[in-house]
Amino acid sequence: MADMTRFNPFGELSRFDPFEDLGDWFRGLRLRPVQRDFEVDPSVKLEVAEEDKVYRITAEIPGVKKEDIQVSVDGNRVAISAEVKREKEERKGEKLIRSERCYGKVSRSFSLDEEVDQAGAEARYTDGILHLTLPKKPGAAAKQIAIS
């Protein structure tokens, strides 16, 4: 009688590591030098602080003019958006070597625990930092409900 051998069609795959040589593959495409020149995508980083009667929000939006920033408040929902425009040129003498342009819109929205009194809201933008002071709406505090 002949010897029988079991055939496992997945045996070779169990020894295959698909990520083993990706570093060498990407090195051949020369992507590394190009990646170093790109700046990080713009985003809005937030800090939200709550006090007794107000919310204080600090948002980092560097490189944007204050005319290009919009803030909207609807109840307890706050939305911050900004139009980003960046242009960068490198010249050697009269010759243009590289020119990059970045246009787009960044936005961030979030909800607060209590509604905001829109009439008393204040916004100030200096040195790439947006400061919002949003007073809480009087009488909008959470109520305790008695369970019967």
N, C-alpha and C. Protein backbone atom coordinates (compact mmCIF):
# COMPACT_ATOMS: atom_id res chain seq x y z
N MET A 1 0.83 -1.17 0.00
CA MET A 1 0.00 0.00 0.00
C MET A 1 0.88 1.23 0.00
N ALA A 2 0.48 2.25 -0.74
CA ALA A 2 1.27 3.46 -0.87
C ALA A 2 1.07 4.35 0.35
N ASP A 3 2.13 5.10 0.66
CA ASP A 3 2.02 6.03 1.78
C ASP A 3 1.15 7.21 1.38
N MET A 4 0.26 7.58 2.29
CA MET A 4 -0.63 8.71 2.00
C MET A 4 -0.12 9.95 2.73
N THR A 5 -0.13 11.03 2.03
CA THR A 5 0.30 12.30 2.61
C THR A 5 -0.87 13.27 2.55
N ARG A 6 -1.08 13.92 3.65
CA ARG A 6 -2.16 14.91 3.66
C ARG A 6 -1.66 16.19 3.01
N PHE A 7 -2.51 16.76 2.19
CA PHE A 7 -2.16 18.02 1.53
C PHE A 7 -2.94 19.15 2.20
N ASN A 8 -2.20 20.16 2.64
CA ASN A 8 -2.82 21.33 3.28
C ASN A 8 -2.65 22.50 2.32
N PRO A 9 -3.72 22.97 1.66
CA PRO A 9 -3.57 24.07 0.69
C PRO A 9 -3.16 25.39 1.34
N PHE A 10 -3.34 25.54 2.64
CA PHE A 10 -3.00 26.78 3.33
C PHE A 10 -1.64 26.71 4.03
N GLY A 11 -0.95 25.62 3.88
CA GLY A 11 0.34 25.45 4.54
C GLY A 11 1.35 26.50 4.14
N GLU A 12 1.44 26.79 2.85
CA GLU A 12 2.38 27.80 2.37
C GLU A 12 1.99 29.19 2.84
N LEU A 13 0.70 29.46 2.92
CA LEU A 13 0.24 30.77 3.35
C LEU A 13 0.56 31.05 4.81
N SER A 14 0.61 30.02 5.63
CA SER A 14 0.89 30.24 7.04
C SER A 14 2.32 30.73 7.25
N ARG A 15 3.20 30.48 6.30
CA ARG A 15 4.58 30.95 6.41
C ARG A 15 4.80 32.26 5.67
N PHE A 16 3.78 32.74 4.99
CA PHE A 16 3.88 33.96 4.20
C PHE A 16 3.59 35.18 5.05
N ASP A 17 4.51 36.13 5.08
CA ASP A 17 4.32 37.38 5.81
C ASP A 17 4.17 38.50 4.77
N PRO A 18 2.96 39.02 4.54
CA PRO A 18 2.77 40.01 3.47
C PRO A 18 3.46 41.34 3.73
N PHE A 19 3.81 41.62 4.98
CA PHE A 19 4.43 42.91 5.30
C PHE A 19 5.94 42.81 5.48
N GLU A 20 6.48 41.66 5.18
CA GLU A 20 7.89 41.41 5.44
C GLU A 20 8.81 42.36 4.66
N ASP A 21 8.57 42.52 3.39
CA ASP A 21 9.49 43.30 2.55
C ASP A 21 8.89 44.59 2.02
N LEU A 22 7.84 45.10 2.66
CA LEU A 22 7.23 46.34 2.17
C LEU A 22 8.18 47.52 2.27
N GLY A 23 9.05 47.52 3.28
CA GLY A 23 10.00 48.62 3.41
C GLY A 23 10.88 48.74 2.18
N ASP A 24 11.36 47.61 1.65
CA ASP A 24 12.19 47.62 0.44
C ASP A 24 11.37 48.06 -0.76
N TRP A 25 10.12 47.64 -0.83
CA TRP A 25 9.27 47.98 -1.97
C TRP A 25 9.03 49.49 -2.03
N PHE A 26 8.70 50.13 -0.88
CA PHE A 26 8.48 51.57 -0.85
C PHE A 26 9.76 52.35 -1.10
N ARG A 27 10.89 51.79 -0.70
CA ARG A 27 12.16 52.48 -0.92
C ARG A 27 12.42 52.64 -2.42
N GLY A 28 11.99 51.65 -3.19
CA GLY A 28 12.17 51.71 -4.63
C GLY A 28 11.32 52.78 -5.30
N LEU A 29 10.23 53.17 -4.69
CA LEU A 29 9.35 54.19 -5.27
C LEU A 29 9.81 55.61 -4.96
N ARG A 30 10.80 55.75 -4.12
CA ARG A 30 11.36 57.05 -3.75
C ARG A 30 10.31 57.97 -3.11
N LEU A 31 9.50 57.44 -2.24
CA LEU A 31 8.47 58.25 -1.59
C LEU A 31 8.98 59.00 -0.36
N ARG A 32 10.04 58.52 0.23
CA ARG A 32 10.51 59.13 1.47
C ARG A 32 10.88 60.61 1.33
N PRO A 33 11.68 61.04 0.34
CA PRO A 33 12.01 62.47 0.27
C PRO A 33 10.79 63.35 0.05
N VAL A 34 9.83 62.86 -0.72
CA VAL A 34 8.63 63.65 -1.00
C VAL A 34 7.81 63.82 0.27
N GLN A 35 7.70 62.78 1.08
CA GLN A 35 6.90 62.85 2.29
C GLN A 35 7.42 63.88 3.27
N ARG A 36 8.71 64.11 3.32
CA ARG A 36 9.27 65.07 4.26
C ARG A 36 8.85 66.50 3.95
N ASP A 37 8.55 66.81 2.70
CA ASP A 37 8.21 68.17 2.32
C ASP A 37 6.77 68.55 2.64
N PHE A 38 5.89 67.58 2.83
CA PHE A 38 4.48 67.89 3.08
C PHE A 38 4.29 68.34 4.52
N GLU A 39 3.46 69.35 4.69
CA GLU A 39 3.11 69.81 6.03
C GLU A 39 1.92 69.00 6.52
N VAL A 40 1.73 69.00 7.81
CA VAL A 40 0.61 68.29 8.40
C VAL A 40 -0.68 68.98 8.00
N ASP A 41 -1.71 68.19 7.70
CA ASP A 41 -2.99 68.77 7.32
C ASP A 41 -3.50 69.67 8.43
N PRO A 42 -4.06 70.81 8.07
CA PRO A 42 -4.57 71.71 9.10
C PRO A 42 -5.77 71.09 9.81
N SER A 43 -5.85 71.34 11.09
CA SER A 43 -6.98 70.86 11.87
C SER A 43 -7.24 71.85 13.00
N VAL A 44 -8.39 71.72 13.62
CA VAL A 44 -8.77 72.61 14.71
C VAL A 44 -8.63 71.80 16.01
N LYS A 45 -7.68 72.21 16.84
CA LYS A 45 -7.49 71.55 18.12
C LYS A 45 -8.20 72.38 19.19
N LEU A 46 -8.95 71.69 20.06
CA LEU A 46 -9.81 72.38 21.02
C LEU A 46 -9.43 72.11 22.47
N GLU A 47 -9.77 73.08 23.29
CA GLU A 47 -9.74 72.92 24.74
C GLU A 47 -11.04 73.54 25.24
N VAL A 48 -11.86 72.77 25.93
CA VAL A 48 -13.14 73.25 26.44
C VAL A 48 -13.10 73.20 27.96
N ALA A 49 -13.33 74.35 28.58
CA ALA A 49 -13.36 74.43 30.04
C ALA A 49 -14.74 74.93 30.47
N GLU A 50 -15.26 74.32 31.52
CA GLU A 50 -16.58 74.71 32.02
C GLU A 50 -16.43 75.36 33.38
N GLU A 51 -17.04 76.52 33.54
CA GLU A 51 -17.10 77.20 34.82
C GLU A 51 -18.57 77.24 35.24
N ASP A 52 -18.85 77.91 36.35
CA ASP A 52 -20.22 77.94 36.86
C ASP A 52 -21.21 78.51 35.85
N LYS A 53 -20.85 79.65 35.24
CA LYS A 53 -21.80 80.34 34.37
C LYS A 53 -21.38 80.42 32.90
N VAL A 54 -20.17 79.99 32.58
CA VAL A 54 -19.70 80.10 31.19
C VAL A 54 -18.89 78.88 30.78
N TYR A 55 -18.82 78.70 29.45
CA TYR A 55 -17.87 77.77 28.85
C TYR A 55 -16.77 78.61 28.22
N ARG A 56 -15.53 78.19 28.40
CA ARG A 56 -14.39 78.86 27.77
C ARG A 56 -13.75 77.88 26.81
N ILE A 57 -13.75 78.26 25.54
CA ILE A 57 -13.21 77.39 24.50
C ILE A 57 -11.99 78.06 23.89
N THR A 58 -10.92 77.30 23.76
CA THR A 58 -9.71 77.75 23.10
C THR A 58 -9.49 76.83 21.92
N ALA A 59 -9.41 77.40 20.72
CA ALA A 59 -9.22 76.61 19.51
C ALA A 59 -7.97 77.10 18.78
N GLU A 60 -7.11 76.18 18.42
CA GLU A 60 -5.91 76.52 17.66
C GLU A 60 -6.23 76.44 16.17
N ILE A 61 -6.12 77.59 15.50
CA ILE A 61 -6.33 77.64 14.05
C ILE A 61 -5.21 78.50 13.47
N PRO A 62 -3.99 77.99 13.38
CA PRO A 62 -2.86 78.81 12.93
C PRO A 62 -2.90 79.09 11.44
N GLY A 63 -2.34 80.23 11.06
CA GLY A 63 -2.19 80.58 9.65
C GLY A 63 -3.47 80.97 8.94
N VAL A 64 -4.48 81.38 9.69
CA VAL A 64 -5.78 81.75 9.11
C VAL A 64 -6.09 83.19 9.51
N LYS A 65 -6.66 83.95 8.59
CA LYS A 65 -7.09 85.31 8.92
C LYS A 65 -8.41 85.24 9.68
N LYS A 66 -8.61 86.22 10.58
CA LYS A 66 -9.83 86.18 11.38
C LYS A 66 -11.08 86.35 10.53
N GLU A 67 -10.96 86.98 9.36
CA GLU A 67 -12.11 87.15 8.46
C GLU A 67 -12.54 85.81 7.86
N ASP A 68 -11.65 84.81 7.87
CA ASP A 68 -11.95 83.51 7.27
C ASP A 68 -12.46 82.49 8.28
N ILE A 69 -12.75 82.93 9.51
CA ILE A 69 -13.24 82.03 10.55
C ILE A 69 -14.72 82.30 10.80
N GLN A 70 -15.49 81.23 10.89
CA GLN A 70 -16.91 81.34 11.20
C GLN A 70 -17.20 80.49 12.44
N VAL A 71 -17.97 81.08 13.36
CA VAL A 71 -18.40 80.37 14.57
C VAL A 71 -19.92 80.46 14.62
N SER A 72 -20.58 79.33 14.81
CA SER A 72 -22.03 79.36 14.95
C SER A 72 -22.43 78.56 16.19
N VAL A 73 -23.45 79.06 16.87
CA VAL A 73 -23.97 78.42 18.07
C VAL A 73 -25.46 78.21 17.88
N ASP A 74 -25.91 76.97 18.08
CA ASP A 74 -27.32 76.65 17.97
C ASP A 74 -27.70 75.80 19.18
N GLY A 75 -28.30 76.45 20.18
CA GLY A 75 -28.63 75.74 21.41
C GLY A 75 -27.37 75.38 22.17
N ASN A 76 -27.08 74.08 22.23
CA ASN A 76 -25.85 73.64 22.90
C ASN A 76 -24.80 73.15 21.90
N ARG A 77 -25.06 73.33 20.61
CA ARG A 77 -24.16 72.87 19.54
C ARG A 77 -23.31 74.04 19.05
N VAL A 78 -21.98 73.84 19.04
CA VAL A 78 -21.04 74.87 18.60
C VAL A 78 -20.30 74.33 17.37
N ALA A 79 -20.20 75.15 16.34
CA ALA A 79 -19.47 74.78 15.12
C ALA A 79 -18.45 75.86 14.79
N ILE A 80 -17.22 75.44 14.56
CA ILE A 80 -16.14 76.35 14.19
C ILE A 80 -15.61 75.89 12.84
N SER A 81 -15.53 76.80 11.88
CA SER A 81 -14.96 76.45 10.58
C SER A 81 -14.06 77.59 10.10
N ALA A 82 -13.09 77.24 9.29
CA ALA A 82 -12.14 78.24 8.79
C ALA A 82 -11.71 77.87 7.38
N GLU A 83 -11.50 78.88 6.58
CA GLU A 83 -11.01 78.73 5.21
C GLU A 83 -9.49 78.84 5.25
N VAL A 84 -8.80 77.78 4.84
CA VAL A 84 -7.34 77.74 4.89
C VAL A 84 -6.77 78.04 3.51
N LYS A 85 -5.85 79.00 3.47
CA LYS A 85 -5.18 79.36 2.21
C LYS A 85 -3.69 79.50 2.50
N ARG A 86 -2.90 78.62 1.92
CA ARG A 86 -1.45 78.69 2.11
C ARG A 86 -0.77 78.64 0.75
N GLU A 87 0.18 79.49 0.58
CA GLU A 87 0.98 79.49 -0.64
C GLU A 87 2.44 79.56 -0.26
N LYS A 88 3.25 78.77 -0.93
CA LYS A 88 4.67 78.71 -0.62
C LYS A 88 5.45 78.65 -1.93
N GLU A 89 6.44 79.51 -2.07
CA GLU A 89 7.27 79.53 -3.27
C GLU A 89 8.73 79.48 -2.88
N GLU A 90 9.51 78.76 -3.66
CA GLU A 90 10.96 78.75 -3.50
C GLU A 90 11.57 79.22 -4.80
N ARG A 91 12.45 80.20 -4.69
CA ARG A 91 13.11 80.75 -5.88
C ARG A 91 14.61 80.75 -5.68
N LYS A 92 15.30 80.55 -6.77
CA LYS A 92 16.76 80.73 -6.80
C LYS A 92 17.01 81.78 -7.87
N GLY A 93 17.27 82.98 -7.40
CA GLY A 93 17.42 84.08 -8.35
C GLY A 93 16.11 84.37 -9.03
N GLU A 94 16.11 84.35 -10.35
CA GLU A 94 14.89 84.59 -11.14
C GLU A 94 14.11 83.31 -11.40
N LYS A 95 14.72 82.18 -11.14
CA LYS A 95 14.13 80.89 -11.50
C LYS A 95 13.24 80.34 -10.37
N LEU A 96 12.01 79.99 -10.71
CA LEU A 96 11.09 79.39 -9.75
C LEU A 96 11.40 77.90 -9.66
N ILE A 97 11.69 77.44 -8.45
CA ILE A 97 12.05 76.03 -8.26
C ILE A 97 10.85 75.20 -7.82
N ARG A 98 10.06 75.73 -6.89
CA ARG A 98 8.91 74.99 -6.38
C ARG A 98 7.83 75.97 -5.95
N SER A 99 6.59 75.61 -6.20
CA SER A 99 5.46 76.41 -5.76
C SER A 99 4.38 75.46 -5.25
N GLU A 100 3.93 75.67 -4.02
CA GLU A 100 2.88 74.83 -3.44
C GLU A 100 1.73 75.71 -2.97
N ARG A 101 0.53 75.22 -3.20
CA ARG A 101 -0.66 75.93 -2.74
C ARG A 101 -1.57 74.94 -2.03
N CYS A 102 -2.17 75.41 -0.96
CA CYS A 102 -3.09 74.57 -0.19
C CYS A 102 -4.33 75.41 0.10
N TYR A 103 -5.45 74.99 -0.42
CA TYR A 103 -6.72 75.67 -0.18
C TYR A 103 -7.70 74.63 0.34
N GLY A 104 -8.45 75.01 1.32
CA GLY A 104 -9.45 74.08 1.84
C GLY A 104 -10.19 74.66 3.02
N LYS A 105 -10.99 73.81 3.62
CA LYS A 105 -11.79 74.24 4.75
C LYS A 105 -11.63 73.23 5.87
N VAL A 106 -11.41 73.73 7.07
CA VAL A 106 -11.36 72.87 8.24
C VAL A 106 -12.54 73.23 9.13
N SER A 107 -13.06 72.24 9.82
CA SER A 107 -14.20 72.53 10.70
C SER A 107 -14.20 71.56 11.86
N ARG A 108 -14.87 71.99 12.90
CA ARG A 108 -15.01 71.18 14.10
C ARG A 108 -16.32 71.57 14.75
N SER A 109 -17.11 70.60 15.15
CA SER A 109 -18.35 70.90 15.86
C SER A 109 -18.47 69.96 17.05
N PHE A 110 -19.14 70.43 18.08
CA PHE A 110 -19.28 69.65 19.30
C PHE A 110 -20.51 70.14 20.05
N SER A 111 -20.95 69.33 21.00
CA SER A 111 -22.11 69.68 21.83
C SER A 111 -21.66 69.91 23.27
N LEU A 112 -22.28 70.90 23.90
CA LEU A 112 -22.02 71.21 25.29
C LEU A 112 -23.15 70.63 26.14
N ASP A 113 -22.94 70.54 27.44
CA ASP A 113 -23.96 69.98 28.32
C ASP A 113 -25.19 70.87 28.44
N GLU A 114 -24.97 72.18 28.41
CA GLU A 114 -26.08 73.12 28.58
C GLU A 114 -26.16 74.05 27.38
N GLU A 115 -27.33 74.67 27.20
CA GLU A 115 -27.52 75.61 26.10
C GLU A 115 -26.74 76.89 26.35
N VAL A 116 -26.38 77.56 25.25
CA VAL A 116 -25.57 78.78 25.32
C VAL A 116 -26.45 80.00 25.10
N ASP A 117 -26.22 81.04 25.88
CA ASP A 117 -26.89 82.33 25.70
C ASP A 117 -26.15 83.06 24.58
N GLN A 118 -26.71 83.04 23.39
CA GLN A 118 -26.03 83.59 22.20
C GLN A 118 -25.81 85.09 22.30
N ALA A 119 -26.67 85.79 23.01
CA ALA A 119 -26.54 87.25 23.11
C ALA A 119 -25.27 87.66 23.84
N GLY A 120 -24.81 86.86 24.79
CA GLY A 120 -23.63 87.21 25.57
C GLY A 120 -22.34 86.55 25.08
N ALA A 121 -22.41 85.83 23.98
CA ALA A 121 -21.23 85.11 23.48
C ALA A 121 -20.18 86.09 22.95
N GLU A 122 -18.92 85.79 23.23
CA GLU A 122 -17.80 86.63 22.78
C GLU A 122 -16.76 85.77 22.09
N ALA A 123 -16.11 86.35 21.05
CA ALA A 123 -15.04 85.65 20.34
C ALA A 123 -13.87 86.61 20.11
N ARG A 124 -12.67 86.09 20.29
CA ARG A 124 -11.45 86.89 20.10
C ARG A 124 -10.41 85.98 19.43
N TYR A 125 -9.71 86.49 18.41
CA TYR A 125 -8.71 85.72 17.68
C TYR A 125 -7.39 86.46 17.68
N THR A 126 -6.37 85.88 18.30
CA THR A 126 -5.04 86.49 18.32
C THR A 126 -3.99 85.40 18.20
N ASP A 127 -2.99 85.65 17.37
CA ASP A 127 -1.84 84.77 17.21
C ASP A 127 -2.22 83.31 16.93
N GLY A 128 -3.22 83.11 16.09
CA GLY A 128 -3.61 81.76 15.71
C GLY A 128 -4.48 81.03 16.72
N ILE A 129 -4.89 81.72 17.78
CA ILE A 129 -5.72 81.11 18.82
C ILE A 129 -7.07 81.83 18.88
N LEU A 130 -8.14 81.06 18.76
CA LEU A 130 -9.50 81.58 18.88
C LEU A 130 -9.98 81.33 20.31
N HIS A 131 -10.39 82.41 20.99
CA HIS A 131 -10.91 82.32 22.36
C HIS A 131 -12.41 82.60 22.32
N LEU A 132 -13.21 81.67 22.78
CA LEU A 132 -14.65 81.85 22.85
C LEU A 132 -15.09 81.84 24.32
N THR A 133 -15.94 82.79 24.66
CA THR A 133 -16.57 82.81 25.98
C THR A 133 -18.06 82.67 25.72
N LEU A 134 -18.61 81.54 26.12
CA LEU A 134 -20.01 81.25 25.85
C LEU A 134 -20.76 81.10 27.17
N PRO A 135 -21.56 82.13 27.53
CA PRO A 135 -22.31 82.04 28.78
C PRO A 135 -23.44 81.01 28.69
N LYS A 136 -23.69 80.36 29.81
CA LYS A 136 -24.77 79.38 29.86
C LYS A 136 -26.10 80.11 29.92
N LYS A 137 -27.09 79.54 29.29
CA LYS A 137 -28.42 80.13 29.28
C LYS A 137 -29.03 79.99 30.67
N PRO A 138 -29.54 81.10 31.23
CA PRO A 138 -30.13 81.00 32.57
C PRO A 138 -31.37 80.11 32.58
N GLY A 139 -31.47 79.32 33.60
CA GLY A 139 -32.64 78.44 33.72
C GLY A 139 -32.55 77.18 32.89
N ALA A 140 -31.43 76.96 32.22
CA ALA A 140 -31.31 75.78 31.37
C ALA A 140 -30.58 74.65 32.07
N ALA A 141 -30.39 74.77 33.38
CA ALA A 141 -29.68 73.75 34.13
C ALA A 141 -30.51 72.46 34.18
N ALA A 142 -29.83 71.37 34.33
CA ALA A 142 -30.51 70.08 34.39
C ALA A 142 -31.36 69.99 35.66
N LYS A 143 -32.50 69.39 35.55
CA LYS A 143 -33.42 69.24 36.69
C LYS A 143 -33.39 67.80 37.17
N GLN A 144 -33.51 67.66 38.49
CA GLN A 144 -33.65 66.33 39.07
C GLN A 144 -35.14 65.97 39.04
N ILE A 145 -35.43 64.77 38.60
CA ILE A 145 -36.81 64.33 38.54
C ILE A 145 -37.02 63.27 39.63
N ALA A 146 -38.05 63.48 40.44
CA ALA A 146 -38.34 62.53 41.50
C ALA A 146 -38.97 61.27 40.91
N ILE A 147 -38.52 60.14 41.39
CA ILE A 147 -39.04 58.87 40.90
C ILE A 147 -40.13 58.40 41.86
N SER A 148 -41.29 58.08 41.30
CA SER A 148 -42.40 57.65 42.17
C SER A 148 -42.56 56.15 42.16
